[in-house]
Amino acid sequence: MNQHNPLNISPLDLHDLLNVDSSTKPIIVDVREDNELAIAPFTFSVLHLPLSKFKSWNDQLGELLPIDKPIVVICHSGVRSLSFGIWLLEQGITQPVWNLEGGIDSWSINVDESIPRY
């Protein structure tokens, strides 16, 4: 796949994708900061790569991201995750990269109201 920008995925579509019994479930990369995860943790398992700690995980990124799964990037509102998704594609990631539209805030509104909004 030759993407230039991450594809958008709605919270409802991502929820459906994550609840399918499939070996091709995407990996969720959460780029929010530690305090944001403490306030509003995502419902499913994530690879936490806070953008402010880029230098601490950048060198291991190739080892952290599986090469055989699509990637969905999330943040609070979808802006930081979009930027990170674009950056991933610029680094030569070959698997599909999606951005969660509206971020965890939209997930809270449309999928799981138990996740606090902030």
Protein backbone atom coordinates (compact mmCIF):
# COMPACT_ATOMS: atom_id res chain seq x y z
CA MET A 1 0.00 0.00 0.00
CA ASN A 2 1.38 3.39 -0.95
CA GLN A 3 -0.24 5.90 1.40
CA HIS A 4 0.73 9.54 1.68
CA ASN A 5 -1.63 10.34 4.55
CA PRO A 6 -3.24 8.17 7.21
CA LEU A 7 -6.72 6.96 6.43
CA ASN A 8 -9.47 8.13 8.77
CA ILE A 9 -11.36 5.60 10.82
CA SER A 10 -14.44 6.45 12.84
CA PRO A 11 -14.78 5.33 16.45
CA LEU A 12 -17.66 3.00 15.52
CA ASP A 13 -15.71 1.41 12.67
CA LEU A 14 -12.67 0.94 14.90
CA HIS A 15 -14.85 -0.58 17.61
CA ASP A 16 -16.25 -3.07 15.09
CA LEU A 17 -12.76 -3.86 13.80
CA LEU A 18 -11.42 -4.48 17.31
CA ASN A 19 -14.30 -6.77 18.21
CA VAL A 20 -13.90 -9.10 15.24
CA ASP A 21 -12.13 -12.35 16.02
CA SER A 22 -9.31 -11.93 13.56
CA SER A 23 -5.56 -12.23 13.45
CA THR A 24 -5.38 -9.00 11.47
CA LYS A 25 -6.57 -6.69 14.24
CA PRO A 26 -4.68 -3.43 14.12
CA ILE A 27 -2.17 -2.33 16.69
CA ILE A 28 -3.31 0.80 18.53
CA VAL A 29 -0.61 3.43 19.02
CA ASP A 30 -1.58 6.01 21.63
CA VAL A 31 0.54 9.17 21.40
CA ARG A 32 -1.03 10.94 24.38
CA GLU A 33 0.94 11.86 27.47
CA ASP A 34 1.01 9.78 30.66
CA ASN A 35 -1.39 12.08 32.49
CA GLU A 36 -3.91 11.83 29.64
CA LEU A 37 -3.87 8.04 29.79
CA ALA A 38 -4.43 8.24 33.54
CA ILE A 39 -7.53 10.38 32.97
CA ALA A 40 -9.00 8.49 30.01
CA PRO A 41 -7.44 5.10 29.28
CA PHE A 42 -8.36 3.46 25.99
CA THR A 43 -10.58 0.39 26.27
CA PHE A 44 -8.21 -1.89 24.37
CA SER A 45 -4.49 -2.61 24.69
CA VAL A 46 -2.26 0.09 23.22
CA LEU A 47 1.36 0.72 22.40
CA HIS A 48 1.97 3.94 24.33
CA LEU A 49 4.38 6.26 22.52
CA PRO A 50 3.97 9.72 24.09
CA LEU A 51 5.21 12.33 21.66
CA SER A 52 7.07 14.24 24.37
CA LYS A 53 9.26 11.15 24.93
CA PHE A 54 10.12 10.71 21.24
CA LYS A 55 13.86 10.46 21.93
CA SER A 56 13.34 7.58 24.36
CA TRP A 57 11.47 5.31 21.93
CA ASN A 58 12.38 6.48 18.41
CA ASP A 59 15.43 4.21 18.08
CA GLN A 60 13.32 1.15 18.98
CA LEU A 61 10.33 2.00 16.79
CA GLY A 62 11.14 -0.71 14.26
CA GLU A 63 11.13 -3.30 17.05
CA LEU A 64 8.00 -1.93 18.73
CA LEU A 65 5.72 -1.91 15.67
CA PRO A 66 4.77 -5.25 14.14
CA ILE A 67 5.27 -5.30 10.39
CA ASP A 68 2.25 -7.49 9.71
CA LYS A 69 -0.56 -5.45 11.29
CA PRO A 70 -2.29 -2.22 10.35
CA ILE A 71 -1.70 0.69 12.71
CA VAL A 72 -4.34 2.94 14.25
CA VAL A 73 -2.99 6.07 15.91
CA ILE A 74 -5.00 7.80 18.63
CA CYS A 75 -4.70 10.94 20.73
CA HIS A 76 -7.16 13.26 22.48
CA SER A 77 -8.85 14.84 19.47
CA GLY A 78 -7.17 13.38 16.39
CA VAL A 79 -4.67 16.15 15.62
CA ARG A 80 -1.47 14.78 17.17
CA SER A 81 -2.31 11.29 15.94
CA LEU A 82 -2.76 12.59 12.40
CA SER A 83 0.65 14.26 12.53
CA PHE A 84 2.24 11.11 13.93
CA GLY A 85 0.55 8.97 11.27
CA ILE A 86 1.91 11.22 8.53
CA TRP A 87 5.37 10.98 10.11
CA LEU A 88 5.13 7.17 10.25
CA LEU A 89 4.32 7.02 6.56
CA GLU A 90 7.22 9.36 5.79
CA GLN A 91 9.48 6.89 7.62
CA GLY A 92 8.52 4.19 5.12
CA ILE A 93 5.96 2.21 7.13
CA THR A 94 4.39 -0.14 4.60
CA GLN A 95 1.33 -1.35 6.48
CA PRO A 96 -1.91 0.68 6.46
CA VAL A 97 -1.98 3.59 8.91
CA TRP A 98 -5.28 4.97 10.21
CA ASN A 99 -6.09 7.97 12.36
CA LEU A 100 -8.95 7.74 14.85
CA GLU A 101 -11.28 10.58 13.88
CA GLY A 102 -11.93 12.80 16.87
CA GLY A 103 -9.56 10.80 19.07
CA ILE A 104 -10.41 9.40 22.49
CA ASP A 105 -12.89 12.24 22.97
CA SER A 106 -14.98 11.01 20.06
CA TRP A 107 -14.57 7.41 21.24
CA SER A 108 -16.00 8.46 24.61
CA ILE A 109 -18.99 10.17 22.96
CA ASN A 110 -19.76 7.49 20.36
CA VAL A 111 -18.57 4.17 21.78
CA ASP A 112 -17.80 4.14 25.50
CA GLU A 113 -19.32 6.87 27.67
CA SER A 114 -17.53 5.45 30.72
CA ILE A 115 -14.27 6.98 29.45
CA PRO A 116 -14.01 10.46 30.98
CA ARG A 117 -13.84 13.44 28.66
CA TYR A 118 -11.21 16.05 29.30
